[in-house]
Amino acid sequence: MNGNKLFDFRKVRCREDVDKIIIYATSPVMQVVGEAQVMEIIVDEPEQVWQITSEYAGITKVFYDQYFHNKERAVAYRLGNVKKYSKPRSLSDFGLNFEPQSFVYV
């Protein structure tokens, strides 16, 4: 939320028509804290994606490599227009009654 991370990394690509990511903070917050526009989706071999995103990855190369260990593809979502909510919102505000493990469509 402070602007030093411009990419969100996933092992699975979402649908083409996704234009916004809702940001959920895990424990101890456990609430939706903001949202961001999806500006670009990069899908390639993990090392190629790292070369493109590393300056604003917001994570270390070691963590990145562990996350994508033995994966043929990496997905990076370039985020823009990040909006931090003045008051965190519950998942139920978005029609969810469970914590998503990776992502969920709302």
PDB file of N, CA and C in Angstrom:
ATOM      1  N   MET A   1       0.821  -1.200   0.000  1.00  0.00           N
ATOM      2  CA  MET A   1       0.000   0.000   0.000  1.00  0.00           C
ATOM      3  C   MET A   1       0.868   1.268   0.000  1.00  0.00           C
ATOM      4  N   ASN A   2       2.165   1.117   0.267  1.00  0.00           N
ATOM      5  CA  ASN A   2       3.028   2.300   0.296  1.00  0.00           C
ATOM      6  C   ASN A   2       3.686   2.605  -1.050  1.00  0.00           C
ATOM      7  N   GLY A   3       3.401   1.794  -2.084  1.00  0.00           N
ATOM      8  CA  GLY A   3       3.879   2.104  -3.427  1.00  0.00           C
ATOM      9  C   GLY A   3       5.175   1.464  -3.853  1.00  0.00           C
ATOM     10  N   ASN A   4       5.829   0.703  -2.964  1.00  0.00           N
ATOM     11  CA  ASN A   4       7.097   0.095  -3.379  1.00  0.00           C
ATOM     12  C   ASN A   4       6.901  -1.263  -4.048  1.00  0.00           C
ATOM     13  N   LYS A   5       5.682  -1.759  -4.067  1.00  0.00           N
ATOM     14  CA  LYS A   5       5.366  -3.014  -4.747  1.00  0.00           C
ATOM     15  C   LYS A   5       4.338  -2.713  -5.827  1.00  0.00           C
ATOM     16  N   LEU A   6       4.725  -2.901  -7.078  1.00  0.00           N
ATOM     17  CA  LEU A   6       3.814  -2.629  -8.185  1.00  0.00           C
ATOM     18  C   LEU A   6       3.282  -3.897  -8.835  1.00  0.00           C
ATOM     19  N   PHE A   7       3.734  -5.061  -8.357  1.00  0.00           N
ATOM     20  CA  PHE A   7       3.317  -6.324  -8.959  1.00  0.00           C
ATOM     21  C   PHE A   7       2.792  -7.276  -7.899  1.00  0.00           C
ATOM     22  N   ASP A   8       1.776  -8.034  -8.284  1.00  0.00           N
ATOM     23  CA  ASP A   8       1.270  -9.113  -7.446  1.00  0.00           C
ATOM     24  C   ASP A   8       1.530 -10.401  -8.213  1.00  0.00           C
ATOM     25  N   PHE A   9       2.115 -11.391  -7.560  1.00  0.00           N
ATOM     26  CA  PHE A   9       2.518 -12.627  -8.215  1.00  0.00           C
ATOM     27  C   PHE A   9       1.577 -13.766  -7.865  1.00  0.00           C
ATOM     28  N   ARG A  10       1.275 -14.578  -8.874  1.00  0.00           N
ATOM     29  CA  ARG A  10       0.416 -15.745  -8.698  1.00  0.00           C
ATOM     30  C   ARG A  10       0.930 -16.893  -9.541  1.00  0.00           C
ATOM     31  N   LYS A  11       0.549 -18.094  -9.148  1.00  0.00           N
ATOM     32  CA  LYS A  11       0.922 -19.283  -9.909  1.00  0.00           C
ATOM     33  C   LYS A  11      -0.096 -19.590 -11.009  1.00  0.00           C
ATOM     34  N   VAL A  12      -1.275 -19.021 -10.882  1.00  0.00           N
ATOM     35  CA  VAL A  12      -2.366 -19.260 -11.830  1.00  0.00           C
ATOM     36  C   VAL A  12      -2.862 -17.916 -12.348  1.00  0.00           C
ATOM     37  N   ARG A  13      -3.141 -17.865 -13.641  1.00  0.00           N
ATOM     38  CA  ARG A  13      -3.636 -16.645 -14.265  1.00  0.00           C
ATOM     39  C   ARG A  13      -5.157 -16.580 -14.117  1.00  0.00           C
ATOM     40  N   CYS A  14      -5.661 -15.387 -13.889  1.00  0.00           N
ATOM     41  CA  CYS A  14      -7.098 -15.187 -13.799  1.00  0.00           C
ATOM     42  C   CYS A  14      -7.688 -15.030 -15.208  1.00  0.00           C
ATOM     43  N   ARG A  15      -8.987 -14.867 -15.271  1.00  0.00           N
ATOM     44  CA  ARG A  15      -9.661 -14.649 -16.551  1.00  0.00           C
ATOM     45  C   ARG A  15      -9.198 -13.345 -17.189  1.00  0.00           C
ATOM     46  N   GLU A  16      -9.395 -13.239 -18.488  1.00  0.00           N
ATOM     47  CA  GLU A  16      -9.002 -12.059 -19.254  1.00  0.00           C
ATOM     48  C   GLU A  16      -9.728 -10.792 -18.822  1.00  0.00           C
ATOM     49  N   ASP A  17     -10.969 -10.919 -18.398  1.00  0.00           N
ATOM     50  CA  ASP A  17     -11.801  -9.741 -18.154  1.00  0.00           C
ATOM     51  C   ASP A  17     -11.639  -9.113 -16.770  1.00  0.00           C
ATOM     52  N   VAL A  18     -10.674  -9.561 -15.997  1.00  0.00           N
ATOM     53  CA  VAL A  18     -10.451  -8.996 -14.663  1.00  0.00           C
ATOM     54  C   VAL A  18      -9.706  -7.668 -14.803  1.00  0.00           C
ATOM     55  N   ASP A  19     -10.275  -6.619 -14.229  1.00  0.00           N
ATOM     56  CA  ASP A  19      -9.635  -5.308 -14.330  1.00  0.00           C
ATOM     57  C   ASP A  19      -9.318  -4.696 -12.969  1.00  0.00           C
ATOM     58  N   LYS A  20      -9.706  -5.387 -11.895  1.00  0.00           N
ATOM     59  CA  LYS A  20      -9.460  -4.863 -10.554  1.00  0.00           C
ATOM     60  C   LYS A  20      -9.169  -6.000  -9.597  1.00  0.00           C
ATOM     61  N   ILE A  21      -8.229  -5.760  -8.685  1.00  0.00           N
ATOM     62  CA  ILE A  21      -7.913  -6.712  -7.622  1.00  0.00           C
ATOM     63  C   ILE A  21      -8.302  -6.067  -6.297  1.00  0.00           C
ATOM     64  N   ILE A  22      -9.011  -6.819  -5.494  1.00  0.00           N
ATOM     65  CA  ILE A  22      -9.368  -6.370  -4.158  1.00  0.00           C
ATOM     66  C   ILE A  22      -8.316  -6.933  -3.210  1.00  0.00           C
ATOM     67  N   ILE A  23      -7.770  -6.085  -2.357  1.00  0.00           N
ATOM     68  CA  ILE A  23      -6.618  -6.460  -1.526  1.00  0.00           C
ATOM     69  C   ILE A  23      -7.085  -6.875  -0.127  1.00  0.00           C
ATOM     70  N   TYR A  24      -6.823  -8.137   0.182  1.00  0.00           N
ATOM     71  CA  TYR A  24      -7.190  -8.706   1.475  1.00  0.00           C
ATOM     72  C   TYR A  24      -5.942  -8.864   2.324  1.00  0.00           C
ATOM     73  N   ALA A  25      -5.961  -8.329   3.519  1.00  0.00           N
ATOM     74  CA  ALA A  25      -4.847  -8.473   4.458  1.00  0.00           C
ATOM     75  C   ALA A  25      -5.122  -9.685   5.345  1.00  0.00           C
ATOM     76  N   THR A  26      -4.157 -10.608   5.382  1.00  0.00           N
ATOM     77  CA  THR A  26      -4.319 -11.801   6.203  1.00  0.00           C
ATOM     78  C   THR A  26      -4.137 -11.460   7.681  1.00  0.00           C
ATOM     79  N   SER A  27      -4.072 -12.480   8.504  1.00  0.00           N
ATOM     80  CA  SER A  27      -3.958 -12.341   9.951  1.00  0.00           C
ATOM     81  C   SER A  27      -2.818 -11.403  10.334  1.00  0.00           C
ATOM     82  N   PRO A  28      -2.975 -10.535  11.253  1.00  0.00           N
ATOM     83  CA  PRO A  28      -4.070 -10.414  12.205  1.00  0.00           C
ATOM     84  C   PRO A  28      -5.211  -9.508  11.729  1.00  0.00           C
ATOM     85  N   VAL A  29      -5.057  -8.801  10.594  1.00  0.00           N
ATOM     86  CA  VAL A  29      -6.082  -7.851  10.132  1.00  0.00           C
ATOM     87  C   VAL A  29      -7.324  -8.584   9.648  1.00  0.00           C
ATOM     88  N   MET A  30      -7.157  -9.517   8.731  1.00  0.00           N
ATOM     89  CA  MET A  30      -8.228 -10.349   8.191  1.00  0.00           C
ATOM     90  C   MET A  30      -9.405  -9.539   7.653  1.00  0.00           C
ATOM     91  N   GLN A  31      -9.075  -8.506   6.874  1.00  0.00           N
ATOM     92  CA  GLN A  31     -10.100  -7.683   6.242  1.00  0.00           C
ATOM     93  C   GLN A  31      -9.599  -7.173   4.890  1.00  0.00           C
ATOM     94  N   VAL A  32     -10.527  -6.691   4.082  1.00  0.00           N
ATOM     95  CA  VAL A  32     -10.186  -6.092   2.797  1.00  0.00           C
ATOM     96  C   VAL A  32      -9.727  -4.668   3.075  1.00  0.00           C
ATOM     97  N   VAL A  33      -8.514  -4.343   2.640  1.00  0.00           N
ATOM     98  CA  VAL A  33      -7.920  -3.046   2.988  1.00  0.00           C
ATOM     99  C   VAL A  33      -7.825  -2.083   1.814  1.00  0.00           C
ATOM    100  N   GLY A  34      -8.116  -2.576   0.596  1.00  0.00           N
ATOM    101  CA  GLY A  34      -8.040  -1.683  -0.548  1.00  0.00           C
ATOM    102  C   GLY A  34      -8.282  -2.407  -1.847  1.00  0.00           C
ATOM    103  N   GLU A  35      -8.004  -1.694  -2.936  1.00  0.00           N
ATOM    104  CA  GLU A  35      -8.182  -2.260  -4.262  1.00  0.00           C
ATOM    105  C   GLU A  35      -7.186  -1.611  -5.217  1.00  0.00           C
ATOM    106  N   ALA A  36      -6.962  -2.276  -6.347  1.00  0.00           N
ATOM    107  CA  ALA A  36      -6.024  -1.762  -7.342  1.00  0.00           C
ATOM    108  C   ALA A  36      -6.493  -2.169  -8.733  1.00  0.00           C
ATOM    109  N   GLN A  37      -6.228  -1.328  -9.685  1.00  0.00           N
ATOM    110  CA  GLN A  37      -6.541  -1.623 -11.078  1.00  0.00           C
ATOM    111  C   GLN A  37      -5.462  -2.542 -11.642  1.00  0.00           C
ATOM    112  N   VAL A  38      -5.863  -3.512 -12.447  1.00  0.00           N
ATOM    113  CA  VAL A  38      -4.909  -4.377 -13.144  1.00  0.00           C
ATOM    114  C   VAL A  38      -4.528  -3.664 -14.432  1.00  0.00           C
ATOM    115  N   MET A  39      -3.274  -3.247 -14.516  1.00  0.00           N
ATOM    116  CA  MET A  39      -2.791  -2.494 -15.667  1.00  0.00           C
ATOM    117  C   MET A  39      -2.258  -3.416 -16.765  1.00  0.00           C
ATOM    118  N   GLU A  40      -1.716  -4.558 -16.351  1.00  0.00           N
ATOM    119  CA  GLU A  40      -1.100  -5.490 -17.289  1.00  0.00           C
ATOM    120  C   GLU A  40      -0.967  -6.837 -16.603  1.00  0.00           C
ATOM    121  N   ILE A  41      -1.043  -7.913 -17.394  1.00  0.00           N
ATOM    122  CA  ILE A  41      -0.810  -9.256 -16.877  1.00  0.00           C
ATOM    123  C   ILE A  41       0.347  -9.850 -17.661  1.00  0.00           C
ATOM    124  N   ILE A  42       1.386 -10.245 -16.933  1.00  0.00           N
ATOM    125  CA  ILE A  42       2.584 -10.807 -17.547  1.00  0.00           C
ATOM    126  C   ILE A  42       2.619 -12.295 -17.220  1.00  0.00           C
ATOM    127  N   VAL A  43       2.723 -13.128 -18.256  1.00  0.00           N
ATOM    128  CA  VAL A  43       2.806 -14.575 -18.081  1.00  0.00           C
ATOM    129  C   VAL A  43       4.006 -15.062 -18.883  1.00  0.00           C
ATOM    130  N   ASP A  44       4.936 -15.730 -18.194  1.00  0.00           N
ATOM    131  CA  ASP A  44       6.133 -16.234 -18.865  1.00  0.00           C
ATOM    132  C   ASP A  44       6.844 -17.196 -17.914  1.00  0.00           C
ATOM    133  N   GLU A  45       8.003 -17.652 -18.327  1.00  0.00           N
ATOM    134  CA  GLU A  45       8.828 -18.459 -17.444  1.00  0.00           C
ATOM    135  C   GLU A  45       9.209 -17.609 -16.233  1.00  0.00           C
ATOM    136  N   PRO A  46       9.315 -18.214 -15.051  1.00  0.00           N
ATOM    137  CA  PRO A  46       9.594 -17.433 -13.844  1.00  0.00           C
ATOM    138  C   PRO A  46      10.795 -16.489 -13.955  1.00  0.00           C
ATOM    139  N   GLU A  47      11.882 -16.932 -14.546  1.00  0.00           N
ATOM    140  CA  GLU A  47      13.066 -16.066 -14.628  1.00  0.00           C
ATOM    141  C   GLU A  47      12.811 -14.854 -15.516  1.00  0.00           C
ATOM    142  N   GLN A  48      12.054 -15.029 -16.582  1.00  0.00           N
ATOM    143  CA  GLN A  48      11.714 -13.912 -17.474  1.00  0.00           C
ATOM    144  C   GLN A  48      10.819 -12.902 -16.750  1.00  0.00           C
ATOM    145  N   VAL A  49       9.840 -13.403 -16.017  1.00  0.00           N
ATOM    146  CA  VAL A  49       8.940 -12.515 -15.273  1.00  0.00           C
ATOM    147  C   VAL A  49       9.737 -11.740 -14.227  1.00  0.00           C
ATOM    148  N   TRP A  50      10.681 -12.407 -13.549  1.00  0.00           N
ATOM    149  CA  TRP A  50      11.510 -11.716 -12.553  1.00  0.00           C
ATOM    150  C   TRP A  50      12.318 -10.594 -13.204  1.00  0.00           C
ATOM    151  N   GLN A  51      12.875 -10.840 -14.367  1.00  0.00           N
ATOM    152  CA  GLN A  51      13.665  -9.823 -15.058  1.00  0.00           C
ATOM    153  C   GLN A  51      12.828  -8.574 -15.350  1.00  0.00           C
ATOM    154  N   ILE A  52      11.572  -8.755 -15.668  1.00  0.00           N
ATOM    155  CA  ILE A  52      10.679  -7.645 -15.993  1.00  0.00           C
ATOM    156  C   ILE A  52      10.220  -6.908 -14.737  1.00  0.00           C
ATOM    157  N   THR A  53      10.001  -7.636 -13.650  1.00  0.00           N
ATOM    158  CA  THR A  53       9.314  -7.083 -12.475  1.00  0.00           C
ATOM    159  C   THR A  53      10.193  -6.799 -11.265  1.00  0.00           C
ATOM    160  N   SER A  54      11.428  -7.253 -11.261  1.00  0.00           N
ATOM    161  CA  SER A  54      12.232  -7.275 -10.034  1.00  0.00           C
ATOM    162  C   SER A  54      12.384  -5.924  -9.345  1.00  0.00           C
ATOM    163  N   GLU A  55      12.487  -4.838 -10.105  1.00  0.00           N
ATOM    164  CA  GLU A  55      12.709  -3.528  -9.483  1.00  0.00           C
ATOM    165  C   GLU A  55      11.559  -3.114  -8.563  1.00  0.00           C
ATOM    166  N   TYR A  56      10.341  -3.519  -8.921  1.00  0.00           N
ATOM    167  CA  TYR A  56       9.173  -3.156  -8.117  1.00  0.00           C
ATOM    168  C   TYR A  56       8.389  -4.381  -7.655  1.00  0.00           C
ATOM    169  N   ALA A  57       9.110  -5.495  -7.427  1.00  0.00           N
ATOM    170  CA  ALA A  57       8.460  -6.738  -7.014  1.00  0.00           C
ATOM    171  C   ALA A  57       7.955  -6.672  -5.580  1.00  0.00           C
ATOM    172  N   GLY A  58       8.662  -5.948  -4.731  1.00  0.00           N
ATOM    173  CA  GLY A  58       8.268  -5.858  -3.324  1.00  0.00           C
ATOM    174  C   GLY A  58       8.612  -7.108  -2.528  1.00  0.00           C
ATOM    175  N   ILE A  59       9.314  -8.048  -3.150  1.00  0.00           N
ATOM    176  CA  ILE A  59       9.756  -9.267  -2.481  1.00  0.00           C
ATOM    177  C   ILE A  59      11.190  -9.558  -2.910  1.00  0.00           C
ATOM    178  N   THR A  60      11.847 -10.426  -2.169  1.00  0.00           N
ATOM    179  CA  THR A  60      13.227 -10.788  -2.511  1.00  0.00           C
ATOM    180  C   THR A  60      13.233 -11.860  -3.591  1.00  0.00           C
ATOM    181  N   LYS A  61      14.352 -11.986  -4.249  1.00  0.00           N
ATOM    182  CA  LYS A  61      14.526 -13.031  -5.261  1.00  0.00           C
ATOM    183  C   LYS A  61      14.430 -14.411  -4.621  1.00  0.00           C
ATOM    184  N   VAL A  62      14.945 -14.553  -3.414  1.00  0.00           N
ATOM    185  CA  VAL A  62      14.870 -15.837  -2.707  1.00  0.00           C
ATOM    186  C   VAL A  62      13.416 -16.232  -2.477  1.00  0.00           C
ATOM    187  N   PHE A  63      12.604 -15.311  -1.983  1.00  0.00           N
ATOM    188  CA  PHE A  63      11.185 -15.592  -1.749  1.00  0.00           C
ATOM    189  C   PHE A  63      10.487 -15.911  -3.070  1.00  0.00           C
ATOM    190  N   TYR A  64      10.779 -15.124  -4.100  1.00  0.00           N
ATOM    191  CA  TYR A  64      10.201 -15.333  -5.429  1.00  0.00           C
ATOM    192  C   TYR A  64      10.536 -16.734  -5.936  1.00  0.00           C
ATOM    193  N   ASP A  65      11.808 -17.105  -5.861  1.00  0.00           N
ATOM    194  CA  ASP A  65      12.234 -18.427  -6.338  1.00  0.00           C
ATOM    195  C   ASP A  65      11.569 -19.556  -5.551  1.00  0.00           C
ATOM    196  N   GLN A  66      11.402 -19.374  -4.264  1.00  0.00           N
ATOM    197  CA  GLN A  66      10.721 -20.397  -3.460  1.00  0.00           C
ATOM    198  C   GLN A  66       9.253 -20.517  -3.881  1.00  0.00           C
ATOM    199  N   TYR A  67       8.613 -19.390  -4.118  1.00  0.00           N
ATOM    200  CA  TYR A  67       7.199 -19.379  -4.498  1.00  0.00           C
ATOM    201  C   TYR A  67       6.985 -20.103  -5.831  1.00  0.00           C
ATOM    202  N   PHE A  68       7.875 -19.875  -6.792  1.00  0.00           N
ATOM    203  CA  PHE A  68       7.726 -20.464  -8.125  1.00  0.00           C
ATOM    204  C   PHE A  68       8.584 -21.716  -8.335  1.00  0.00           C
ATOM    205  N   HIS A  69       9.072 -22.309  -7.264  1.00  0.00           N
ATOM    206  CA  HIS A  69       9.894 -23.515  -7.358  1.00  0.00           C
ATOM    207  C   HIS A  69       9.172 -24.608  -8.156  1.00  0.00           C
ATOM    208  N   ASN A  70       9.864 -25.145  -9.161  1.00  0.00           N
ATOM    209  CA  ASN A  70       9.342 -26.211 -10.029  1.00  0.00           C
ATOM    210  C   ASN A  70       8.122 -25.800 -10.851  1.00  0.00           C
ATOM    211  N   LYS A  71       7.922 -24.519 -11.055  1.00  0.00           N
ATOM    212  CA  LYS A  71       6.815 -24.041 -11.888  1.00  0.00           C
ATOM    213  C   LYS A  71       7.354 -23.622 -13.248  1.00  0.00           C
ATOM    214  N   GLU A  72       6.620 -23.939 -14.291  1.00  0.00           N
ATOM    215  CA  GLU A  72       7.029 -23.570 -15.641  1.00  0.00           C
ATOM    216  C   GLU A  72       6.590 -22.156 -16.000  1.00  0.00           C
ATOM    217  N   ARG A  73       5.555 -21.664 -15.338  1.00  0.00           N
ATOM    218  CA  ARG A  73       5.009 -20.345 -15.637  1.00  0.00           C
ATOM    219  C   ARG A  73       4.831 -19.535 -14.362  1.00  0.00           C
ATOM    220  N   ALA A  74       5.056 -18.241 -14.514  1.00  0.00           N
ATOM    221  CA  ALA A  74       4.789 -17.288 -13.437  1.00  0.00           C
ATOM    222  C   ALA A  74       3.833 -16.236 -13.988  1.00  0.00           C
ATOM    223  N   VAL A  75       3.000 -15.712 -13.117  1.00  0.00           N
ATOM    224  CA  VAL A  75       2.051 -14.671 -13.494  1.00  0.00           C
ATOM    225  C   VAL A  75       2.302 -13.457 -12.609  1.00  0.00           C
ATOM    226  N   ALA A  76       2.397 -12.295 -13.244  1.00  0.00           N
ATOM    227  CA  ALA A  76       2.569 -11.041 -12.500  1.00  0.00           C
ATOM    228  C   ALA A  76       1.492 -10.068 -12.951  1.00  0.00           C
ATOM    229  N   TYR A  77       0.798  -9.511 -11.988  1.00  0.00           N
ATOM    230  CA  TYR A  77      -0.205  -8.490 -12.262  1.00  0.00           C
ATOM    231  C   TYR A  77       0.407  -7.139 -11.931  1.00  0.00           C
ATOM    232  N   ARG A  78       0.531  -6.276 -12.939  1.00  0.00           N
ATOM    233  CA  ARG A  78       1.027  -4.921 -12.686  1.00  0.00           C
ATOM    234  C   ARG A  78      -0.153  -4.088 -12.205  1.00  0.00           C
ATOM    235  N   LEU A  79       0.004  -3.516 -11.021  1.00  0.00           N
ATOM    236  CA  LEU A  79      -1.081  -2.791 -10.363  1.00  0.00           C
ATOM    237  C   LEU A  79      -0.939  -1.291 -10.550  1.00  0.00           C
ATOM    238  N   GLY A  80      -2.056  -0.622 -10.641  1.00  0.00           N
ATOM    239  CA  GLY A  80      -2.073   0.832 -10.728  1.00  0.00           C
ATOM    240  C   GLY A  80      -3.297   1.370 -10.012  1.00  0.00           C
ATOM    241  N   ASN A  81      -3.329   2.662  -9.811  1.00  0.00           N
ATOM    242  CA  ASN A  81      -4.461   3.316  -9.147  1.00  0.00           C
ATOM    243  C   ASN A  81      -4.848   2.602  -7.850  1.00  0.00           C
ATOM    244  N   VAL A  82      -3.850   2.364  -7.019  1.00  0.00           N
ATOM    245  CA  VAL A  82      -4.085   1.668  -5.748  1.00  0.00           C
ATOM    246  C   VAL A  82      -4.853   2.595  -4.811  1.00  0.00           C
ATOM    247  N   LYS A  83      -5.921   2.056  -4.264  1.00  0.00           N
ATOM    248  CA  LYS A  83      -6.770   2.826  -3.352  1.00  0.00           C
ATOM    249  C   LYS A  83      -6.828   2.100  -2.015  1.00  0.00           C
ATOM    250  N   LYS A  84      -6.348   2.756  -0.979  1.00  0.00           N
ATOM    251  CA  LYS A  84      -6.429   2.191   0.368  1.00  0.00           C
ATOM    252  C   LYS A  84      -7.737   2.661   0.989  1.00  0.00           C
ATOM    253  N   TYR A  85      -8.518   1.727   1.500  1.00  0.00           N
ATOM    254  CA  TYR A  85      -9.776   2.082   2.140  1.00  0.00           C
ATOM    255  C   TYR A  85      -9.502   2.799   3.459  1.00  0.00           C
ATOM    256  N   SER A  86     -10.267   3.836   3.736  1.00  0.00           N
ATOM    257  CA  SER A  86     -10.088   4.562   4.994  1.00  0.00           C
ATOM    258  C   SER A  86     -10.467   3.672   6.178  1.00  0.00           C
ATOM    259  N   LYS A  87     -11.392   2.755   5.952  1.00  0.00           N
ATOM    260  CA  LYS A  87     -11.790   1.788   6.977  1.00  0.00           C
ATOM    261  C   LYS A  87     -11.832   0.410   6.314  1.00  0.00           C
ATOM    262  N   PRO A  88     -11.062  -0.570   6.823  1.00  0.00           N
ATOM    263  CA  PRO A  88     -11.089  -1.914   6.236  1.00  0.00           C
ATOM    264  C   PRO A  88     -12.514  -2.467   6.188  1.00  0.00           C
ATOM    265  N   ARG A  89     -12.761  -3.293   5.179  1.00  0.00           N
ATOM    266  CA  ARG A  89     -14.089  -3.869   4.985  1.00  0.00           C
ATOM    267  C   ARG A  89     -14.022  -5.381   5.172  1.00  0.00           C
ATOM    268  N   SER A  90     -15.134  -5.962   5.537  1.00  0.00           N
ATOM    269  CA  SER A  90     -15.175  -7.409   5.734  1.00  0.00           C
ATOM    270  C   SER A  90     -15.389  -8.109   4.394  1.00  0.00           C
ATOM    271  N   LEU A  91     -15.030  -9.373   4.337  1.00  0.00           N
ATOM    272  CA  LEU A  91     -15.248 -10.161   3.132  1.00  0.00           C
ATOM    273  C   LEU A  91     -16.730 -10.256   2.789  1.00  0.00           C
ATOM    274  N   SER A  92     -17.572 -10.257   3.812  1.00  0.00           N
ATOM    275  CA  SER A  92     -19.014 -10.346   3.560  1.00  0.00           C
ATOM    276  C   SER A  92     -19.534  -9.123   2.797  1.00  0.00           C
ATOM    277  N   ASP A  93     -18.837  -7.986   2.897  1.00  0.00           N
ATOM    278  CA  ASP A  93     -19.219  -6.807   2.112  1.00  0.00           C
ATOM    279  C   ASP A  93     -19.108  -7.069   0.615  1.00  0.00           C
ATOM    280  N   PHE A  94     -18.340  -8.091   0.256  1.00  0.00           N
ATOM    281  CA  PHE A  94     -18.132  -8.456  -1.144  1.00  0.00           C
ATOM    282  C   PHE A  94     -18.842  -9.765  -1.493  1.00  0.00           C
ATOM    283  N   GLY A  95     -19.735 -10.207  -0.603  1.00  0.00           N
ATOM    284  CA  GLY A  95     -20.504 -11.415  -0.847  1.00  0.00           C
ATOM    285  C   GLY A  95     -19.748 -12.704  -0.579  1.00  0.00           C
ATOM    286  N   LEU A  96     -18.671 -12.629   0.200  1.00  0.00           N
ATOM    287  CA  LEU A  96     -17.873 -13.814   0.504  1.00  0.00           C
ATOM    288  C   LEU A  96     -18.044 -14.207   1.965  1.00  0.00           C
ATOM    289  N   ASN A  97     -18.123 -15.510   2.199  1.00  0.00           N
ATOM    290  CA  ASN A  97     -18.205 -15.994   3.585  1.00  0.00           C
ATOM    291  C   ASN A  97     -17.044 -16.937   3.895  1.00  0.00           C
ATOM    292  N   PHE A  98     -15.933 -16.784   3.134  1.00  0.00           N
ATOM    293  CA  PHE A  98     -14.736 -17.592   3.350  1.00  0.00           C
ATOM    294  C   PHE A  98     -13.519 -16.778   2.920  1.00  0.00           C
ATOM    295  N   GLU A  99     -12.348 -17.174   3.413  1.00  0.00           N
ATOM    296  CA  GLU A  99     -11.096 -16.516   3.025  1.00  0.00           C
ATOM    297  C   GLU A  99     -10.559 -17.192   1.770  1.00  0.00           C
ATOM    298  N   PRO A 100     -10.400 -16.448   0.688  1.00  0.00           N
ATOM    299  CA  PRO A 100      -9.850 -17.055  -0.532  1.00  0.00           C
ATOM    300  C   PRO A 100      -8.419 -17.518  -0.324  1.00  0.00           C
ATOM    301  N   GLN A 101      -8.062 -18.659  -0.898  1.00  0.00           N
ATOM    302  CA  GLN A 101      -6.704 -19.176  -0.768  1.00  0.00           C
ATOM    303  C   GLN A 101      -5.744 -18.511  -1.734  1.00  0.00           C
ATOM    304  N   SER A 102      -6.173 -18.218  -2.928  1.00  0.00           N
ATOM    305  CA  SER A 102      -5.338 -17.533  -3.913  1.00  0.00           C
ATOM    306  C   SER A 102      -6.095 -16.333  -4.441  1.00  0.00           C
ATOM    307  N   PHE A 103      -7.180 -16.597  -5.137  1.00  0.00           N
ATOM    308  CA  PHE A 103      -8.078 -15.524  -5.551  1.00  0.00           C
ATOM    309  C   PHE A 103      -9.461 -16.087  -5.771  1.00  0.00           C
ATOM    310  N   VAL A 104     -10.424 -15.186  -5.816  1.00  0.00           N
ATOM    311  CA  VAL A 104     -11.813 -15.548  -6.057  1.00  0.00           C
ATOM    312  C   VAL A 104     -12.427 -14.402  -6.854  1.00  0.00           C
ATOM    313  N   TYR A 105     -13.392 -14.718  -7.702  1.00  0.00           N
ATOM    314  CA  TYR A 105     -14.062 -13.684  -8.487  1.00  0.00           C
ATOM    315  C   TYR A 105     -15.253 -13.146  -7.717  1.00  0.00           C
ATOM    316  N   VAL A 106     -15.359 -11.821  -7.654  1.00  0.00           N
ATOM    317  CA  VAL A 106     -16.513 -11.195  -6.980  1.00  0.00           C
ATOM    318  C   VAL A 106     -17.230 -10.273  -7.941  1.00  0.00           C
TER     319      VAL A 106
END
